[in-house]
Structure formats: C-alpha cells, structure tokens
C-alpha cells in the first residue's frame, strides 16, 4: 500500500493477530487483503 501512497492504521494488536491467523491457516490471502484494506487512512 505504501507503493500506492496509502497508509494503514491497524487497531492495536490487529496486525499480529492477522499474522497468527494466516500462520494457522484460518485466514487466506483474500481475507487478509480485505482486512488490511479496511485499515486504510
């Protein structure tokens, strides 16, 4: 997103939680992308 000039502002702990979900295969790339897009500033 930085390459597109957009920033993100995830809630406290949300990024590490997302990484954990991806590692446990509870979230796929589409779900992760959607969540990250929802944190756009």
PDB file of N, CA and C in Angstrom:
ATOM      1  N   UNK A   1       0.829  -1.175   0.000  1.00  0.00           N
ATOM      2  CA  UNK A   1       0.000   0.000   0.000  1.00  0.00           C
ATOM      3  C   UNK A   1       0.880   1.248   0.000  1.00  0.00           C
ATOM      4  N   UNK A   2       2.046   1.150   0.590  1.00  0.00           N
ATOM      5  CA  UNK A   2       2.957   2.290   0.601  1.00  0.00           C
ATOM      6  C   UNK A   2       3.365   2.659  -0.822  1.00  0.00           C
ATOM      7  N   UNK A   3       3.503   1.664  -1.682  1.00  0.00           N
ATOM      8  CA  UNK A   3       3.871   1.932  -3.070  1.00  0.00           C
ATOM      9  C   UNK A   3       2.795   2.743  -3.787  1.00  0.00           C
ATOM     10  N   UNK A   4       1.560   2.630  -3.326  1.00  0.00           N
ATOM     11  CA  UNK A   4       0.455   3.379  -3.917  1.00  0.00           C
ATOM     12  C   UNK A   4       0.209   4.706  -3.191  1.00  0.00           C
ATOM     13  N   UNK A   5       1.056   5.007  -2.184  1.00  0.00           N
ATOM     14  CA  UNK A   5       0.911   6.267  -1.469  1.00  0.00           C
ATOM     15  C   UNK A   5      -0.175   6.237  -0.413  1.00  0.00           C
ATOM     16  N   UNK A   6      -0.594   5.055   0.001  1.00  0.00           N
ATOM     17  CA  UNK A   6      -1.632   4.921   1.018  1.00  0.00           C
ATOM     18  C   UNK A   6      -1.028   4.367   2.293  1.00  0.00           C
ATOM     19  N   UNK A   7      -1.498   4.846   3.422  1.00  0.00           N
ATOM     20  CA  UNK A   7      -1.041   4.338   4.698  1.00  0.00           C
ATOM     21  C   UNK A   7      -2.115   3.493   5.339  1.00  0.00           C
ATOM     22  N   UNK A   8      -1.718   2.756   6.368  1.00  0.00           N
ATOM     23  CA  UNK A   8      -2.692   1.977   7.122  1.00  0.00           C
ATOM     24  C   UNK A   8      -2.559   2.333   8.598  1.00  0.00           C
ATOM     25  N   UNK A   9      -3.628   2.157   9.325  1.00  0.00           N
ATOM     26  CA  UNK A   9      -3.653   2.406  10.755  1.00  0.00           C
ATOM     27  C   UNK A   9      -4.427   1.270  11.420  1.00  0.00           C
ATOM     28  N   UNK A  10      -3.756   0.104  11.590  1.00  0.00           N
ATOM     29  CA  UNK A  10      -4.460  -1.030  12.199  1.00  0.00           C
ATOM     30  C   UNK A  10      -4.697  -0.792  13.682  1.00  0.00           C
ATOM     31  N   UNK A  11      -5.786  -1.299  14.224  1.00  0.00           N
ATOM     32  CA  UNK A  11      -6.011  -1.219  15.665  1.00  0.00           C
ATOM     33  C   UNK A  11      -4.896  -1.937  16.411  1.00  0.00           C
ATOM     34  N   UNK A  12      -4.684  -1.575  17.659  1.00  0.00           N
ATOM     35  CA  UNK A  12      -3.621  -2.162  18.458  1.00  0.00           C
ATOM     36  C   UNK A  12      -3.753  -3.691  18.487  1.00  0.00           C
ATOM     37  N   UNK A  13      -2.693  -4.382  18.099  1.00  0.00           N
ATOM     38  CA  UNK A  13      -2.654  -5.839  18.132  1.00  0.00           C
ATOM     39  C   UNK A  13      -3.264  -6.529  16.933  1.00  0.00           C
ATOM     40  N   UNK A  14      -3.908  -5.781  16.049  1.00  0.00           N
ATOM     41  CA  UNK A  14      -4.604  -6.403  14.921  1.00  0.00           C
ATOM     42  C   UNK A  14      -3.648  -7.011  13.906  1.00  0.00           C
ATOM     43  N   UNK A  15      -2.514  -6.380  13.688  1.00  0.00           N
ATOM     44  CA  UNK A  15      -1.575  -6.897  12.694  1.00  0.00           C
ATOM     45  C   UNK A  15      -0.970  -8.216  13.153  1.00  0.00           C
ATOM     46  N   UNK A  16      -0.567  -8.299  14.406  1.00  0.00           N
ATOM     47  CA  UNK A  16      -0.003  -9.560  14.900  1.00  0.00           C
ATOM     48  C   UNK A  16      -1.067 -10.655  14.940  1.00  0.00           C
ATOM     49  N   UNK A  17      -2.305 -10.278  15.225  1.00  0.00           N
ATOM     50  CA  UNK A  17      -3.394 -11.254  15.206  1.00  0.00           C
ATOM     51  C   UNK A  17      -3.633 -11.777  13.796  1.00  0.00           C
ATOM     52  N   UNK A  18      -3.564 -10.888  12.820  1.00  0.00           N
ATOM     53  CA  UNK A  18      -3.736 -11.303  11.430  1.00  0.00           C
ATOM     54  C   UNK A  18      -2.625 -12.265  11.012  1.00  0.00           C
ATOM     55  N   UNK A  19      -1.391 -11.965  11.380  1.00  0.00           N
ATOM     56  CA  UNK A  19      -0.267 -12.847  11.051  1.00  0.00           C
ATOM     57  C   UNK A  19      -0.471 -14.226  11.677  1.00  0.00           C
ATOM     58  N   UNK A  20      -0.923 -14.260  12.920  1.00  0.00           N
ATOM     59  CA  UNK A  20      -1.174 -15.538  13.592  1.00  0.00           C
ATOM     60  C   UNK A  20      -2.260 -16.331  12.880  1.00  0.00           C
ATOM     61  N   UNK A  21      -3.317 -15.653  12.452  1.00  0.00           N
ATOM     62  CA  UNK A  21      -4.403 -16.332  11.740  1.00  0.00           C
ATOM     63  C   UNK A  21      -3.923 -16.902  10.406  1.00  0.00           C
ATOM     64  N   UNK A  22      -3.071 -16.166   9.708  1.00  0.00           N
ATOM     65  CA  UNK A  22      -2.545 -16.650   8.434  1.00  0.00           C
ATOM     66  C   UNK A  22      -1.662 -17.873   8.672  1.00  0.00           C
ATOM     67  N   UNK A  23      -0.830 -17.809   9.698  1.00  0.00           N
ATOM     68  CA  UNK A  23       0.047 -18.950  10.005  1.00  0.00           C
ATOM     69  C   UNK A  23      -0.746 -20.195  10.379  1.00  0.00           C
ATOM     70  N   UNK A  24      -1.864 -20.009  11.087  1.00  0.00           N
ATOM     71  CA  UNK A  24      -2.710 -21.146  11.473  1.00  0.00           C
ATOM     72  C   UNK A  24      -3.650 -21.556  10.342  1.00  0.00           C
ATOM     73  N   UNK A  25      -3.559 -20.852   9.213  1.00  0.00           N
ATOM     74  CA  UNK A  25      -4.402 -21.098   8.032  1.00  0.00           C
ATOM     75  C   UNK A  25      -5.880 -20.856   8.311  1.00  0.00           C
ATOM     76  N   UNK A  26      -6.155 -19.907   9.208  1.00  0.00           N
ATOM     77  CA  UNK A  26      -7.530 -19.504   9.480  1.00  0.00           C
ATOM     78  C   UNK A  26      -7.946 -18.332   8.595  1.00  0.00           C
ATOM     79  N   UNK A  27      -6.962 -17.686   7.982  1.00  0.00           N
ATOM     80  CA  UNK A  27      -7.234 -16.576   7.069  1.00  0.00           C
ATOM     81  C   UNK A  27      -6.449 -16.824   5.786  1.00  0.00           C
ATOM     82  N   UNK A  28      -7.094 -16.579   4.656  1.00  0.00           N
ATOM     83  CA  UNK A  28      -6.400 -16.736   3.382  1.00  0.00           C
ATOM     84  C   UNK A  28      -5.949 -15.366   2.883  1.00  0.00           C
ATOM     85  N   UNK A  29      -5.303 -15.343   1.733  1.00  0.00           N
ATOM     86  CA  UNK A  29      -4.753 -14.100   1.208  1.00  0.00           C
ATOM     87  C   UNK A  29      -5.857 -13.088   0.890  1.00  0.00           C
ATOM     88  N   UNK A  30      -7.011 -13.549   0.459  1.00  0.00           N
ATOM     89  CA  UNK A  30      -8.099 -12.630   0.134  1.00  0.00           C
ATOM     90  C   UNK A  30      -8.675 -12.002   1.399  1.00  0.00           C
ATOM     91  N   UNK A  31      -8.835 -12.794   2.442  1.00  0.00           N
ATOM     92  CA  UNK A  31      -9.321 -12.276   3.707  1.00  0.00           C
ATOM     93  C   UNK A  31      -8.336 -11.311   4.345  1.00  0.00           C
ATOM     94  N   UNK A  32      -7.046 -11.654   4.260  1.00  0.00           N
ATOM     95  CA  UNK A  32      -6.018 -10.776   4.813  1.00  0.00           C
ATOM     96  C   UNK A  32      -5.991  -9.449   4.058  1.00  0.00           C
ATOM     97  N   UNK A  33      -6.068  -9.515   2.753  1.00  0.00           N
ATOM     98  CA  UNK A  33      -6.073  -8.293   1.944  1.00  0.00           C
ATOM     99  C   UNK A  33      -7.269  -7.416   2.249  1.00  0.00           C
ATOM    100  N   UNK A  34      -8.409  -8.031   2.415  1.00  0.00           N
ATOM    101  CA  UNK A  34      -9.619  -7.277   2.741  1.00  0.00           C
ATOM    102  C   UNK A  34      -9.483  -6.578   4.085  1.00  0.00           C
ATOM    103  N   UNK A  35      -8.940  -7.291   5.054  1.00  0.00           N
ATOM    104  CA  UNK A  35      -8.776  -6.701   6.382  1.00  0.00           C
ATOM    105  C   UNK A  35      -7.777  -5.545   6.342  1.00  0.00           C
ATOM    106  N   UNK A  36      -6.666  -5.739   5.626  1.00  0.00           N
ATOM    107  CA  UNK A  36      -5.656  -4.681   5.536  1.00  0.00           C
ATOM    108  C   UNK A  36      -6.240  -3.447   4.822  1.00  0.00           C
ATOM    109  N   UNK A  37      -7.036  -3.666   3.771  1.00  0.00           N
ATOM    110  CA  UNK A  37      -7.654  -2.540   3.078  1.00  0.00           C
ATOM    111  C   UNK A  37      -8.610  -1.782   3.994  1.00  0.00           C
ATOM    112  N   UNK A  38      -9.224  -2.463   4.944  1.00  0.00           N
ATOM    113  CA  UNK A  38     -10.160  -1.789   5.846  1.00  0.00           C
ATOM    114  C   UNK A  38      -9.428  -0.874   6.835  1.00  0.00           C
ATOM    115  N   UNK A  39      -8.101  -1.014   6.951  1.00  0.00           N
ATOM    116  CA  UNK A  39      -7.324  -0.163   7.843  1.00  0.00           C
ATOM    117  C   UNK A  39      -6.770   1.067   7.155  1.00  0.00           C
ATOM    118  N   UNK A  40      -7.127   1.300   5.898  1.00  0.00           N
ATOM    119  CA  UNK A  40      -6.598   2.449   5.152  1.00  0.00           C
ATOM    120  C   UNK A  40      -6.902   3.758   5.858  1.00  0.00           C
ATOM    121  N   UNK A  41      -5.959   4.677   5.717  1.00  0.00           N
ATOM    122  CA  UNK A  41      -6.161   6.021   6.270  1.00  0.00           C
ATOM    123  C   UNK A  41      -6.780   6.889   5.200  1.00  0.00           C
TER     124      UNK A  41
END
